[in-house]
Amino acid sequence: MSARAIILGCSGPRLSAGEAAFFRDADPWGFIVFARNVESPDQLRALTADLREAVGRDAPILVDQEGGRVARLKPPHWREWPWMERIVEGLPEALADEALALQFRAIAAELHDVGLDVNCMPIADVRFEETDGIISTRALGRSAETVARRGRIVTDAMAAGGVLPVLKHLPGHGRATADSHLALPVVDASLEELRAHDFAAFRPLADLAMGMTAHIVYSAIDPDAPATQSPAGIRAIREELGFDGLLMTDDLSMNALAGGMAERAERSIAAGCDLILHCNGDMAEMEGALSATPRLEGRALARAERALAARRAPEAFDARAADSRYAEIVGLLESAHA
C-alpha cells in the first residue's frame, strides 16, 4: 500500500509515544523539521531515526535550511550563514556564484550528517522592486537568467551532498507585495509579463524532482483561487513551466489559505497538487488535513517514486578547503561593508 499524500511535522525535539502511534497509522509520505525540533546533532539524529521508524521505511525528511534569514539548524552546533541578499547583492557575480556553490555543499553535508535528506531550496522567485521582504532578502537575483543559473548551482551543490532540492515557489512569488504566511497576496501582472520574467526563471529548473507551490492569486491565470488550490494554476506549473516533478503545497497552515484543514487539503489535491505539506505539528490540524488526504496513486505515486529514486550518497568533499575558500570570499564581503 502506498503512503498517504502528505508531509507532516512533529511538535518538539523528541517524538512522543502518541505522535509515533499517530504517524504509524497516518503513514505520511515524509516529514519536515523546524527549529522547535532541533537541539543538538545527536538529538536530531535520534529524532530523524524515530520518525522513520514510526512509518517503518526510509521516509524523506525535509527542512528549510537556506542560511541567513531562513535557517532551522543554528549555532552553536551548526554554522551561521550570511543572509542571501548580502551574498547576491554584495559580491561580484562570479564570486557570488562560487560562494553559493560552497555554502550549499557545506549545508548539504550538515543536513546529511543528521538524517535530513531534502532541503526546500532553491528559491527561483525573481526579485522585483515591489517584492515583499519575506522573499526579497532570500532571492537569488533580479533577472530570470541569473536566478535560473544560481538555482542550478544550489541544486547541484546539494545533490552532490546527498540532499534532494525542492524548487519553490511555483509559479513565482517575486511579484507578491505581501507575506503569504500572513495574508493572501494577489499578483495582477499579465500572462505575457509572467511568462517573460517569473516563469522564465523556473523553466530551466523544471527537471527537478520536487517542487513547492505558492499561495498566491495570479489574476491572469485564476482571479479567484491561489495557485495551490487552482486547477488553472497547477496547469500553468505543469504546462507553462514544464514542471513534471512531485508537486507539494506550501504549508497548509499559512494564513493565505481559508477554511479548515480538511477543506484546504481537499482543494489542493483537487486542483492537482501531488502532496500536502502541514508543518506546525498541531495534532488536531494534522487530523483534519489527513481526513481529506488520499494515498498516493497514479501519476502522483510515480512522481513520488521518481523523487525517492533521485536520492543518492554524498560525493567526496574537502570540507576544510571549502571552508577556507568560503571564508576568503566572505572576507571580501565584510571588507566592502567595513
C-alpha atoms as a PDB file:
ATOM      1  CA  MET A   1       0.000   0.000   0.000  1.00  0.00           C
ATOM      2  CA  SER A   2       1.352   3.447  -0.910  1.00  0.00           C
ATOM      3  CA  ALA A   3       1.976   6.194   1.629  1.00  0.00           C
ATOM      4  CA  ARG A   4      -0.506   8.959   2.250  1.00  0.00           C
ATOM      5  CA  ALA A   5      -0.028  12.086   0.134  1.00  0.00           C
ATOM      6  CA  ILE A   6       1.095  14.311   2.980  1.00  0.00           C
ATOM      7  CA  ILE A   7       4.234  15.599   4.730  1.00  0.00           C
ATOM      8  CA  LEU A   8       3.894  16.274   8.455  1.00  0.00           C
ATOM      9  CA  GLY A   9       5.825  17.882  11.293  1.00  0.00           C
ATOM     10  CA  CYS A  10       6.087  16.955  14.963  1.00  0.00           C
ATOM     11  CA  SER A  11       5.692  19.182  17.994  1.00  0.00           C
ATOM     12  CA  GLY A  12       9.103  19.097  19.693  1.00  0.00           C
ATOM     13  CA  PRO A  13      12.655  17.764  19.754  1.00  0.00           C
ATOM     14  CA  ARG A  14      11.581  14.238  20.688  1.00  0.00           C
ATOM     15  CA  LEU A  15       8.858  12.070  19.266  1.00  0.00           C
ATOM     16  CA  SER A  16       6.206  11.286  21.854  1.00  0.00           C
ATOM     17  CA  ALA A  17       4.596   7.858  22.062  1.00  0.00           C
ATOM     18  CA  GLY A  18       1.329   9.416  20.925  1.00  0.00           C
ATOM     19  CA  GLU A  19       2.917  11.039  17.906  1.00  0.00           C
ATOM     20  CA  ALA A  20       4.719   7.818  16.954  1.00  0.00           C
ATOM     21  CA  ALA A  21       1.419   5.931  17.064  1.00  0.00           C
ATOM     22  CA  PHE A  22      -0.327   8.670  15.085  1.00  0.00           C
ATOM     23  CA  PHE A  23       2.337   8.676  12.374  1.00  0.00           C
ATOM     24  CA  ARG A  24       2.278   4.884  12.180  1.00  0.00           C
ATOM     25  CA  ASP A  25      -1.451   4.967  11.424  1.00  0.00           C
ATOM     26  CA  ALA A  26      -1.340   8.104   9.253  1.00  0.00           C
ATOM     27  CA  ASP A  27       1.582   6.787   7.152  1.00  0.00           C
ATOM     28  CA  PRO A  28       2.685  10.164   5.696  1.00  0.00           C
ATOM     29  CA  TRP A  29       4.987  10.123   2.690  1.00  0.00           C
ATOM     30  CA  GLY A  30       7.514  12.216   4.583  1.00  0.00           C
ATOM     31  CA  PHE A  31       8.242  14.603   7.438  1.00  0.00           C
ATOM     32  CA  ILE A  32       9.563  18.132   7.925  1.00  0.00           C
ATOM     33  CA  VAL A  33      11.562  19.557  10.843  1.00  0.00           C
ATOM     34  CA  PHE A  34      11.710  23.104  12.199  1.00  0.00           C
ATOM     35  CA  ALA A  35      13.756  24.934  14.813  1.00  0.00           C
ATOM     36  CA  ARG A  36      11.413  23.659  17.544  1.00  0.00           C
ATOM     37  CA  ASN A  37      12.592  20.140  16.705  1.00  0.00           C
ATOM     38  CA  VAL A  38      16.310  20.911  16.887  1.00  0.00           C
ATOM     39  CA  GLU A  39      18.618  20.947  19.922  1.00  0.00           C
ATOM     40  CA  SER A  40      21.864  19.158  19.019  1.00  0.00           C
ATOM     41  CA  PRO A  41      23.281  16.832  16.356  1.00  0.00           C
ATOM     42  CA  ASP A  42      22.806  13.690  18.469  1.00  0.00           C
ATOM     43  CA  GLN A  43      19.262  14.674  19.389  1.00  0.00           C
ATOM     44  CA  LEU A  44      18.377  15.409  15.760  1.00  0.00           C
ATOM     45  CA  ARG A  45      19.853  12.125  14.542  1.00  0.00           C
ATOM     46  CA  ALA A  46      17.695  10.322  17.096  1.00  0.00           C
ATOM     47  CA  LEU A  47      14.589  12.236  16.013  1.00  0.00           C
ATOM     48  CA  THR A  48      15.045  11.550  12.306  1.00  0.00           C
ATOM     49  CA  ALA A  49      15.637   7.864  13.081  1.00  0.00           C
ATOM     50  CA  ASP A  50      12.492   7.747  15.231  1.00  0.00           C
ATOM     51  CA  LEU A  51      10.381   9.412  12.552  1.00  0.00           C
ATOM     52  CA  ARG A  52      11.451   6.813  10.012  1.00  0.00           C
ATOM     53  CA  GLU A  53      10.918   4.011  12.486  1.00  0.00           C
ATOM     54  CA  ALA A  54       7.364   5.260  13.100  1.00  0.00           C
ATOM     55  CA  VAL A  55       6.421   4.582   9.470  1.00  0.00           C
ATOM     56  CA  GLY A  56       8.720   1.606   9.001  1.00  0.00           C
ATOM     57  CA  ARG A  57      10.616   2.898   5.961  1.00  0.00           C
ATOM     58  CA  ASP A  58      13.288   5.321   4.813  1.00  0.00           C
ATOM     59  CA  ALA A  59      10.874   8.235   4.560  1.00  0.00           C
ATOM     60  CA  PRO A  60      12.223  11.555   3.243  1.00  0.00           C
ATOM     61  CA  ILE A  61      12.722  14.205   5.922  1.00  0.00           C
ATOM     62  CA  LEU A  62      12.648  17.823   4.803  1.00  0.00           C
ATOM     63  CA  VAL A  63      13.981  21.058   6.249  1.00  0.00           C
ATOM     64  CA  ASP A  64      14.202  24.727   5.255  1.00  0.00           C
ATOM     65  CA  GLN A  65      17.916  25.411   5.553  1.00  0.00           C
ATOM     66  CA  GLU A  66      18.649  28.312   3.237  1.00  0.00           C
ATOM     67  CA  GLY A  67      21.094  30.029   5.558  1.00  0.00           C
ATOM     68  CA  GLY A  68      20.679  33.626   6.668  1.00  0.00           C
ATOM     69  CA  ARG A  69      17.058  34.570   7.271  1.00  0.00           C
ATOM     70  CA  VAL A  70      15.697  31.027   6.999  1.00  0.00           C
ATOM     71  CA  ALA A  71      17.754  28.518   8.991  1.00  0.00           C
ATOM     72  CA  ARG A  72      16.335  25.792  11.233  1.00  0.00           C
ATOM     73  CA  LEU A  73      19.773  24.461  12.267  1.00  0.00           C
ATOM     74  CA  LYS A  74      21.694  27.200  14.041  1.00  0.00           C
ATOM     75  CA  PRO A  75      24.792  27.877  16.147  1.00  0.00           C
ATOM     76  CA  PRO A  76      26.405  26.683  18.292  1.00  0.00           C
ATOM     77  CA  HIS A  77      26.117  23.259  16.652  1.00  0.00           C
ATOM     78  CA  TRP A  78      25.707  24.422  13.053  1.00  0.00           C
ATOM     79  CA  ARG A  79      27.201  27.174  11.013  1.00  0.00           C
ATOM     80  CA  GLU A  80      25.620  30.600  10.670  1.00  0.00           C
ATOM     81  CA  TRP A  81      25.496  31.808   7.072  1.00  0.00           C
ATOM     82  CA  PRO A  82      25.127  35.349   5.702  1.00  0.00           C
ATOM     83  CA  TRP A  83      21.712  36.437   4.527  1.00  0.00           C
ATOM     84  CA  MET A  84      21.234  35.608   0.849  1.00  0.00           C
ATOM     85  CA  GLU A  85      20.705  39.254  -0.017  1.00  0.00           C
ATOM     86  CA  ARG A  86      24.209  40.109   1.209  1.00  0.00           C
ATOM     87  CA  ILE A  87      25.814  37.430  -0.941  1.00  0.00           C
ATOM     88  CA  VAL A  88      23.991  38.046  -4.211  1.00  0.00           C
ATOM     89  CA  GLU A  89      23.827  41.845  -3.910  1.00  0.00           C
ATOM     90  CA  GLY A  90      27.184  42.452  -2.214  1.00  0.00           C
ATOM     91  CA  LEU A  91      29.597  40.330  -4.235  1.00  0.00           C
ATOM     92  CA  PRO A  92      30.666  40.363  -7.887  1.00  0.00           C
ATOM     93  CA  GLU A  93      28.623  37.882  -9.908  1.00  0.00           C
ATOM     94  CA  ALA A  94      31.288  35.189 -10.255  1.00  0.00           C
ATOM     95  CA  LEU A  95      32.210  35.304  -6.567  1.00  0.00           C
ATOM     96  CA  ALA A  96      28.552  35.179  -5.540  1.00  0.00           C
ATOM     97  CA  ASP A  97      28.080  32.081  -7.683  1.00  0.00           C
ATOM     98  CA  GLU A  98      31.145  30.442  -6.146  1.00  0.00           C
ATOM     99  CA  ALA A  99      30.025  31.308  -2.621  1.00  0.00           C
ATOM    100  CA  LEU A 100      26.621  29.734  -3.242  1.00  0.00           C
ATOM    101  CA  ALA A 101      28.205  26.516  -4.501  1.00  0.00           C
ATOM    102  CA  LEU A 102      30.442  26.278  -1.435  1.00  0.00           C
ATOM    103  CA  GLN A 103      27.704  27.240   1.008  1.00  0.00           C
ATOM    104  CA  PHE A 104      25.137  24.744  -0.170  1.00  0.00           C
ATOM    105  CA  ARG A 105      27.636  21.920  -0.458  1.00  0.00           C
ATOM    106  CA  ALA A 106      28.525  22.549   3.186  1.00  0.00           C
ATOM    107  CA  ILE A 107      24.860  22.830   4.184  1.00  0.00           C
ATOM    108  CA  ALA A 108      24.165  19.502   2.482  1.00  0.00           C
ATOM    109  CA  ALA A 109      26.963  17.874   4.480  1.00  0.00           C
ATOM    110  CA  GLU A 110      25.488  19.214   7.718  1.00  0.00           C
ATOM    111  CA  LEU A 111      21.997  18.012   6.821  1.00  0.00           C
ATOM    112  CA  HIS A 112      23.055  14.570   5.649  1.00  0.00           C
ATOM    113  CA  ASP A 113      25.004  14.073   8.884  1.00  0.00           C
ATOM    114  CA  VAL A 114      21.814  14.292  10.969  1.00  0.00           C
ATOM    115  CA  GLY A 115      19.484  12.311   8.712  1.00  0.00           C
ATOM    116  CA  LEU A 116      17.903  15.151   6.718  1.00  0.00           C
ATOM    117  CA  ASP A 117      17.793  14.325   3.021  1.00  0.00           C
ATOM    118  CA  VAL A 118      15.587  17.005   1.429  1.00  0.00           C
ATOM    119  CA  ASN A 119      16.156  20.771   1.586  1.00  0.00           C
ATOM    120  CA  CYS A 120      13.456  23.232   0.487  1.00  0.00           C
ATOM    121  CA  MET A 121      15.731  25.197  -1.808  1.00  0.00           C
ATOM    122  CA  PRO A 122      16.356  26.661  -4.401  1.00  0.00           C
ATOM    123  CA  ILE A 123      14.096  29.682  -4.408  1.00  0.00           C
ATOM    124  CA  ALA A 124      13.579  30.609  -8.057  1.00  0.00           C
ATOM    125  CA  ASP A 125      11.475  33.685  -7.334  1.00  0.00           C
ATOM    126  CA  VAL A 126      12.813  36.694  -9.237  1.00  0.00           C
ATOM    127  CA  ARG A 127      13.327  39.814  -7.139  1.00  0.00           C
ATOM    128  CA  PHE A 128      11.454  42.920  -8.286  1.00  0.00           C
ATOM    129  CA  GLU A 129      11.347  46.391  -6.753  1.00  0.00           C
ATOM    130  CA  GLU A 130       7.986  45.591  -5.185  1.00  0.00           C
ATOM    131  CA  THR A 131       8.943  42.161  -3.803  1.00  0.00           C
ATOM    132  CA  ASP A 132       7.944  41.697  -0.178  1.00  0.00           C
ATOM    133  CA  GLY A 133      10.807  41.315   2.272  1.00  0.00           C
ATOM    134  CA  ILE A 134       9.878  37.691   3.005  1.00  0.00           C
ATOM    135  CA  ILE A 135      11.261  36.876  -0.478  1.00  0.00           C
ATOM    136  CA  SER A 136      13.492  39.811  -1.451  1.00  0.00           C
ATOM    137  CA  THR A 137      16.038  39.046   1.272  1.00  0.00           C
ATOM    138  CA  ARG A 138      16.202  35.410   0.117  1.00  0.00           C
ATOM    139  CA  ALA A 139      16.039  35.795  -3.675  1.00  0.00           C
ATOM    140  CA  LEU A 140      18.942  34.627  -5.839  1.00  0.00           C
ATOM    141  CA  GLY A 141      18.808  37.576  -8.201  1.00  0.00           C
ATOM    142  CA  ARG A 142      16.900  40.233 -10.131  1.00  0.00           C
ATOM    143  CA  SER A 143      16.694  38.547 -13.542  1.00  0.00           C
ATOM    144  CA  ALA A 144      15.300  35.216 -14.668  1.00  0.00           C
ATOM    145  CA  GLU A 145      18.637  34.215 -16.203  1.00  0.00           C
ATOM    146  CA  THR A 146      20.581  34.945 -13.009  1.00  0.00           C
ATOM    147  CA  VAL A 147      18.067  33.196 -10.789  1.00  0.00           C
ATOM    148  CA  ALA A 148      17.947  30.106 -13.001  1.00  0.00           C
ATOM    149  CA  ARG A 149      21.738  29.889 -13.169  1.00  0.00           C
ATOM    150  CA  ARG A 150      22.134  30.223  -9.426  1.00  0.00           C
ATOM    151  CA  GLY A 151      19.250  27.850  -8.815  1.00  0.00           C
ATOM    152  CA  ARG A 152      21.172  25.204 -10.746  1.00  0.00           C
ATOM    153  CA  ILE A 153      24.337  25.956  -8.761  1.00  0.00           C
ATOM    154  CA  VAL A 154      22.466  25.463  -5.482  1.00  0.00           C
ATOM    155  CA  THR A 155      20.738  22.336  -6.786  1.00  0.00           C
ATOM    156  CA  ASP A 156      23.963  20.701  -7.965  1.00  0.00           C
ATOM    157  CA  ALA A 157      25.777  21.526  -4.713  1.00  0.00           C
ATOM    158  CA  MET A 158      23.058  19.970  -2.558  1.00  0.00           C
ATOM    159  CA  ALA A 159      22.711  16.921  -4.791  1.00  0.00           C
ATOM    160  CA  ALA A 160      26.471  16.326  -4.526  1.00  0.00           C
ATOM    161  CA  GLY A 161      25.993  16.239  -0.767  1.00  0.00           C
ATOM    162  CA  GLY A 162      23.219  13.649  -0.877  1.00  0.00           C
ATOM    163  CA  VAL A 163      20.355  16.106  -0.352  1.00  0.00           C
ATOM    164  CA  LEU A 164      17.371  16.474  -2.691  1.00  0.00           C
ATOM    165  CA  PRO A 165      16.316  20.017  -3.643  1.00  0.00           C
ATOM    166  CA  VAL A 166      12.774  21.401  -3.663  1.00  0.00           C
ATOM    167  CA  LEU A 167      12.080  24.090  -6.267  1.00  0.00           C
ATOM    168  CA  LYS A 168       9.986  26.949  -4.858  1.00  0.00           C
ATOM    169  CA  HIS A 169       7.651  28.833  -5.046  1.00  0.00           C
ATOM    170  CA  LEU A 170       5.914  27.743  -8.234  1.00  0.00           C
ATOM    171  CA  PRO A 171       4.924  29.576 -10.417  1.00  0.00           C
ATOM    172  CA  GLY A 172       6.713  32.564  -8.811  1.00  0.00           C
ATOM    173  CA  HIS A 173       6.486  34.565  -5.578  1.00  0.00           C
ATOM    174  CA  GLY A 174       8.622  37.526  -6.652  1.00  0.00           C
ATOM    175  CA  ARG A 175       5.862  39.965  -7.580  1.00  0.00           C
ATOM    176  CA  ALA A 176       3.918  39.426  -4.352  1.00  0.00           C
ATOM    177  CA  THR A 177       3.790  42.503  -2.124  1.00  0.00           C
ATOM    178  CA  ALA A 178       2.514  40.587   0.914  1.00  0.00           C
ATOM    179  CA  ASP A 179       3.816  37.689   3.003  1.00  0.00           C
ATOM    180  CA  SER A 180       1.684  34.597   2.322  1.00  0.00           C
ATOM    181  CA  HIS A 181       2.344  33.420   5.879  1.00  0.00           C
ATOM    182  CA  LEU A 182       0.173  36.345   6.961  1.00  0.00           C
ATOM    183  CA  ALA A 183      -2.241  37.143   4.115  1.00  0.00           C
ATOM    184  CA  LEU A 184      -3.207  36.137   0.588  1.00  0.00           C
ATOM    185  CA  PRO A 185      -1.104  38.027  -1.985  1.00  0.00           C
ATOM    186  CA  VAL A 186      -2.623  38.944  -5.347  1.00  0.00           C
ATOM    187  CA  VAL A 187      -0.428  39.427  -8.429  1.00  0.00           C
ATOM    188  CA  ASP A 188      -2.046  41.355 -11.275  1.00  0.00           C
ATOM    189  CA  ALA A 189       0.759  41.058 -13.849  1.00  0.00           C
ATOM    190  CA  SER A 190      -0.264  39.975 -17.329  1.00  0.00           C
ATOM    191  CA  LEU A 191       0.378  36.470 -18.563  1.00  0.00           C
ATOM    192  CA  GLU A 192       2.927  37.901 -21.006  1.00  0.00           C
ATOM    193  CA  GLU A 193       4.862  39.533 -18.142  1.00  0.00           C
ATOM    194  CA  LEU A 194       4.742  36.350 -16.081  1.00  0.00           C
ATOM    195  CA  ARG A 195       5.983  34.251 -18.987  1.00  0.00           C
ATOM    196  CA  ALA A 196       8.820  36.630 -19.827  1.00  0.00           C
ATOM    197  CA  HIS A 197      10.189  37.013 -16.308  1.00  0.00           C
ATOM    198  CA  ASP A 198       8.675  34.943 -13.482  1.00  0.00           C
ATOM    199  CA  PHE A 199       8.107  31.689 -15.355  1.00  0.00           C
ATOM    200  CA  ALA A 200      11.390  32.052 -17.238  1.00  0.00           C
ATOM    201  CA  ALA A 201      13.355  31.544 -14.029  1.00  0.00           C
ATOM    202  CA  PHE A 202      11.647  28.210 -13.335  1.00  0.00           C
ATOM    203  CA  ARG A 203      11.680  26.645 -16.804  1.00  0.00           C
ATOM    204  CA  PRO A 204      15.446  25.818 -16.806  1.00  0.00           C
ATOM    205  CA  LEU A 205      14.929  24.081 -13.434  1.00  0.00           C
ATOM    206  CA  ALA A 206      11.828  22.138 -14.430  1.00  0.00           C
ATOM    207  CA  ASP A 207      13.712  18.832 -14.332  1.00  0.00           C
ATOM    208  CA  LEU A 208      13.993  18.931 -10.532  1.00  0.00           C
ATOM    209  CA  ALA A 209      12.327  16.001  -8.780  1.00  0.00           C
ATOM    210  CA  MET A 210      10.348  18.089  -6.267  1.00  0.00           C
ATOM    211  CA  GLY A 211       8.637  21.473  -6.212  1.00  0.00           C
ATOM    212  CA  MET A 212       6.501  23.627  -3.920  1.00  0.00           C
ATOM    213  CA  THR A 213       3.532  25.805  -4.856  1.00  0.00           C
ATOM    214  CA  ALA A 214       2.894  29.445  -3.986  1.00  0.00           C
ATOM    215  CA  HIS A 215      -0.190  30.510  -2.028  1.00  0.00           C
ATOM    216  CA  ILE A 216      -0.742  33.444  -4.378  1.00  0.00           C
ATOM    217  CA  VAL A 217      -3.594  34.538  -6.637  1.00  0.00           C
ATOM    218  CA  TYR A 218      -2.391  35.267 -10.181  1.00  0.00           C
ATOM    219  CA  SER A 219      -5.233  37.246 -11.729  1.00  0.00           C
ATOM    220  CA  ALA A 220      -4.197  36.413 -15.276  1.00  0.00           C
ATOM    221  CA  ILE A 221      -4.406  32.685 -14.506  1.00  0.00           C
ATOM    222  CA  ASP A 222      -7.227  32.412 -11.955  1.00  0.00           C
ATOM    223  CA  PRO A 223      -8.651  35.521 -10.271  1.00  0.00           C
ATOM    224  CA  ASP A 224     -10.480  33.522  -7.628  1.00  0.00           C
ATOM    225  CA  ALA A 225      -8.058  30.989  -6.123  1.00  0.00           C
ATOM    226  CA  PRO A 226      -4.391  30.835  -5.107  1.00  0.00           C
ATOM    227  CA  ALA A 227      -2.200  28.690  -7.342  1.00  0.00           C
ATOM    228  CA  THR A 228      -2.044  25.945  -4.699  1.00  0.00           C
ATOM    229  CA  GLN A 229      -5.808  25.437  -4.936  1.00  0.00           C
ATOM    230  CA  SER A 230      -6.400  26.394  -8.567  1.00  0.00           C
ATOM    231  CA  PRO A 231      -6.622  23.799 -11.363  1.00  0.00           C
ATOM    232  CA  ALA A 232      -5.607  26.554 -13.782  1.00  0.00           C
ATOM    233  CA  GLY A 233      -2.678  27.451 -11.524  1.00  0.00           C
ATOM    234  CA  ILE A 234      -1.447  23.862 -11.401  1.00  0.00           C
ATOM    235  CA  ARG A 235      -1.859  23.557 -15.187  1.00  0.00           C
ATOM    236  CA  ALA A 236       0.327  26.638 -15.574  1.00  0.00           C
ATOM    237  CA  ILE A 237       3.000  24.990 -13.415  1.00  0.00           C
ATOM    238  CA  ARG A 238       2.820  21.794 -15.468  1.00  0.00           C
ATOM    239  CA  GLU A 239       2.419  23.313 -18.926  1.00  0.00           C
ATOM    240  CA  GLU A 240       3.823  26.864 -18.881  1.00  0.00           C
ATOM    241  CA  LEU A 241       6.777  25.996 -16.641  1.00  0.00           C
ATOM    242  CA  GLY A 242       7.115  22.389 -17.832  1.00  0.00           C
ATOM    243  CA  PHE A 243       7.449  21.036 -14.291  1.00  0.00           C
ATOM    244  CA  ASP A 244       6.579  17.342 -14.025  1.00  0.00           C
ATOM    245  CA  GLY A 245       8.174  16.635 -10.651  1.00  0.00           C
ATOM    246  CA  LEU A 246       6.477  15.820  -7.362  1.00  0.00           C
ATOM    247  CA  LEU A 247       4.458  18.923  -6.508  1.00  0.00           C
ATOM    248  CA  MET A 248       3.778  19.735  -2.870  1.00  0.00           C
ATOM    249  CA  THR A 249       1.810  22.600  -1.419  1.00  0.00           C
ATOM    250  CA  ASP A 250       3.419  25.255   0.680  1.00  0.00           C
ATOM    251  CA  ASP A 251       2.399  24.906   4.331  1.00  0.00           C
ATOM    252  CA  LEU A 252      -1.369  24.447   4.627  1.00  0.00           C
ATOM    253  CA  SER A 253      -1.485  26.318   7.936  1.00  0.00           C
ATOM    254  CA  MET A 254      -0.373  29.626   6.399  1.00  0.00           C
ATOM    255  CA  ASN A 255      -2.891  32.471   6.625  1.00  0.00           C
ATOM    256  CA  ALA A 256      -3.047  32.930   2.852  1.00  0.00           C
ATOM    257  CA  LEU A 257      -5.458  29.983   2.727  1.00  0.00           C
ATOM    258  CA  ALA A 258      -9.017  29.963   4.013  1.00  0.00           C
ATOM    259  CA  GLY A 259     -11.182  27.272   5.588  1.00  0.00           C
ATOM    260  CA  GLY A 260     -10.450  24.348   7.860  1.00  0.00           C
ATOM    261  CA  MET A 261      -7.544  22.000   7.291  1.00  0.00           C
ATOM    262  CA  ALA A 262      -9.693  19.332   5.658  1.00  0.00           C
ATOM    263  CA  GLU A 263     -11.073  21.888   3.204  1.00  0.00           C
ATOM    264  CA  ARG A 264      -7.603  23.259   2.469  1.00  0.00           C
ATOM    265  CA  ALA A 265      -6.243  19.781   1.804  1.00  0.00           C
ATOM    266  CA  GLU A 266      -9.209  18.753  -0.325  1.00  0.00           C
ATOM    267  CA  ARG A 267      -8.999  21.858  -2.511  1.00  0.00           C
ATOM    268  CA  SER A 268      -5.256  21.450  -3.023  1.00  0.00           C
ATOM    269  CA  ILE A 269      -5.475  17.796  -4.042  1.00  0.00           C
ATOM    270  CA  ALA A 270      -8.469  18.510  -6.285  1.00  0.00           C
ATOM    271  CA  ALA A 271      -6.511  21.289  -8.007  1.00  0.00           C
ATOM    272  CA  GLY A 272      -3.742  18.856  -8.908  1.00  0.00           C
ATOM    273  CA  CYS A 273      -1.122  19.028  -6.140  1.00  0.00           C
ATOM    274  CA  ASP A 274       0.536  15.664  -5.515  1.00  0.00           C
ATOM    275  CA  LEU A 275       1.293  16.196  -1.823  1.00  0.00           C
ATOM    276  CA  ILE A 276       0.005  18.228   1.100  1.00  0.00           C
ATOM    277  CA  LEU A 277       2.507  19.950   3.406  1.00  0.00           C
ATOM    278  CA  HIS A 278       1.479  20.612   7.013  1.00  0.00           C
ATOM    279  CA  CYS A 279       4.247  21.934   9.220  1.00  0.00           C
ATOM    280  CA  ASN A 280       3.295  23.045  12.719  1.00  0.00           C
ATOM    281  CA  GLY A 281       2.822  19.644  14.380  1.00  0.00           C
ATOM    282  CA  ASP A 282      -0.608  20.539  15.807  1.00  0.00           C
ATOM    283  CA  MET A 283      -2.402  17.210  16.244  1.00  0.00           C
ATOM    284  CA  ALA A 284      -5.925  18.489  15.617  1.00  0.00           C
ATOM    285  CA  GLU A 285      -4.861  20.268  12.442  1.00  0.00           C
ATOM    286  CA  MET A 286      -2.981  17.211  11.205  1.00  0.00           C
ATOM    287  CA  GLU A 287      -6.024  15.030  11.810  1.00  0.00           C
ATOM    288  CA  GLY A 288      -8.162  17.475   9.847  1.00  0.00           C
ATOM    289  CA  ALA A 289      -5.754  17.542   6.909  1.00  0.00           C
ATOM    290  CA  LEU A 290      -5.430  13.755   6.911  1.00  0.00           C
ATOM    291  CA  SER A 291      -9.189  13.300   6.743  1.00  0.00           C
ATOM    292  CA  ALA A 292      -9.136  14.782   3.223  1.00  0.00           C
ATOM    293  CA  THR A 293      -5.790  13.450   2.014  1.00  0.00           C
ATOM    294  CA  PRO A 294      -5.721  10.277  -0.091  1.00  0.00           C
ATOM    295  CA  ARG A 295      -2.929   7.778  -0.523  1.00  0.00           C
ATOM    296  CA  LEU A 296      -0.583   8.375  -3.403  1.00  0.00           C
ATOM    297  CA  GLU A 297      -1.700   6.819  -6.657  1.00  0.00           C
ATOM    298  CA  GLY A 298      -1.363   7.194 -10.407  1.00  0.00           C
ATOM    299  CA  ARG A 299       0.929   9.940 -11.670  1.00  0.00           C
ATOM    300  CA  ALA A 300       1.410  11.360  -8.172  1.00  0.00           C
ATOM    301  CA  LEU A 301       2.718   7.995  -6.969  1.00  0.00           C
ATOM    302  CA  ALA A 302       5.011   7.704  -9.989  1.00  0.00           C
ATOM    303  CA  ARG A 303       6.424  11.166  -9.291  1.00  0.00           C
ATOM    304  CA  ALA A 304       6.920  10.304  -5.627  1.00  0.00           C
ATOM    305  CA  GLU A 305       8.787   7.129  -6.526  1.00  0.00           C
ATOM    306  CA  ARG A 306      10.921   9.058  -9.010  1.00  0.00           C
ATOM    307  CA  ALA A 307      11.811  11.600  -6.315  1.00  0.00           C
ATOM    308  CA  LEU A 308      12.835   8.881  -3.863  1.00  0.00           C
ATOM    309  CA  ALA A 309      14.938   7.209  -6.553  1.00  0.00           C
ATOM    310  CA  ALA A 310      16.802  10.504  -7.069  1.00  0.00           C
ATOM    311  CA  ARG A 311      18.314  10.319  -3.578  1.00  0.00           C
ATOM    312  CA  ARG A 312      21.977   9.368  -3.681  1.00  0.00           C
ATOM    313  CA  ALA A 313      25.009   9.017  -1.456  1.00  0.00           C
ATOM    314  CA  PRO A 314      27.195  12.115  -0.964  1.00  0.00           C
ATOM    315  CA  GLU A 315      30.259  12.599  -3.132  1.00  0.00           C
ATOM    316  CA  ALA A 316      33.722  13.142  -1.645  1.00  0.00           C
ATOM    317  CA  PHE A 317      34.065  16.618  -0.153  1.00  0.00           C
ATOM    318  CA  ASP A 318      37.100  18.501   1.154  1.00  0.00           C
ATOM    319  CA  ALA A 319      35.321  20.496   3.845  1.00  0.00           C
ATOM    320  CA  ARG A 320      38.478  22.200   5.095  1.00  0.00           C
ATOM    321  CA  ALA A 321      39.432  23.551   1.665  1.00  0.00           C
ATOM    322  CA  ALA A 322      35.834  24.613   1.001  1.00  0.00           C
ATOM    323  CA  ASP A 323      35.616  26.451   4.339  1.00  0.00           C
ATOM    324  CA  SER A 324      38.912  28.216   3.674  1.00  0.00           C
ATOM    325  CA  ARG A 325      37.803  29.440   0.251  1.00  0.00           C
ATOM    326  CA  TYR A 326      34.371  30.467   1.548  1.00  0.00           C
ATOM    327  CA  ALA A 327      35.964  32.471   4.369  1.00  0.00           C
ATOM    328  CA  GLU A 328      38.157  34.215   1.791  1.00  0.00           C
ATOM    329  CA  ILE A 329      35.138  35.204  -0.285  1.00  0.00           C
ATOM    330  CA  VAL A 330      33.058  36.318   2.704  1.00  0.00           C
ATOM    331  CA  GLY A 331      36.047  38.290   3.914  1.00  0.00           C
ATOM    332  CA  LEU A 332      35.754  40.366   0.746  1.00  0.00           C
ATOM    333  CA  LEU A 333      32.095  40.919   1.564  1.00  0.00           C
ATOM    334  CA  GLU A 334      32.944  42.045   5.099  1.00  0.00           C
ATOM    335  CA  SER A 335      35.663  44.385   3.803  1.00  0.00           C
ATOM    336  CA  ALA A 336      33.219  46.010   1.407  1.00  0.00           C
ATOM    337  CA  HIS A 337      30.879  46.794   4.314  1.00  0.00           C
ATOM    338  CA  ALA A 338      33.553  47.905   6.787  1.00  0.00           C
END
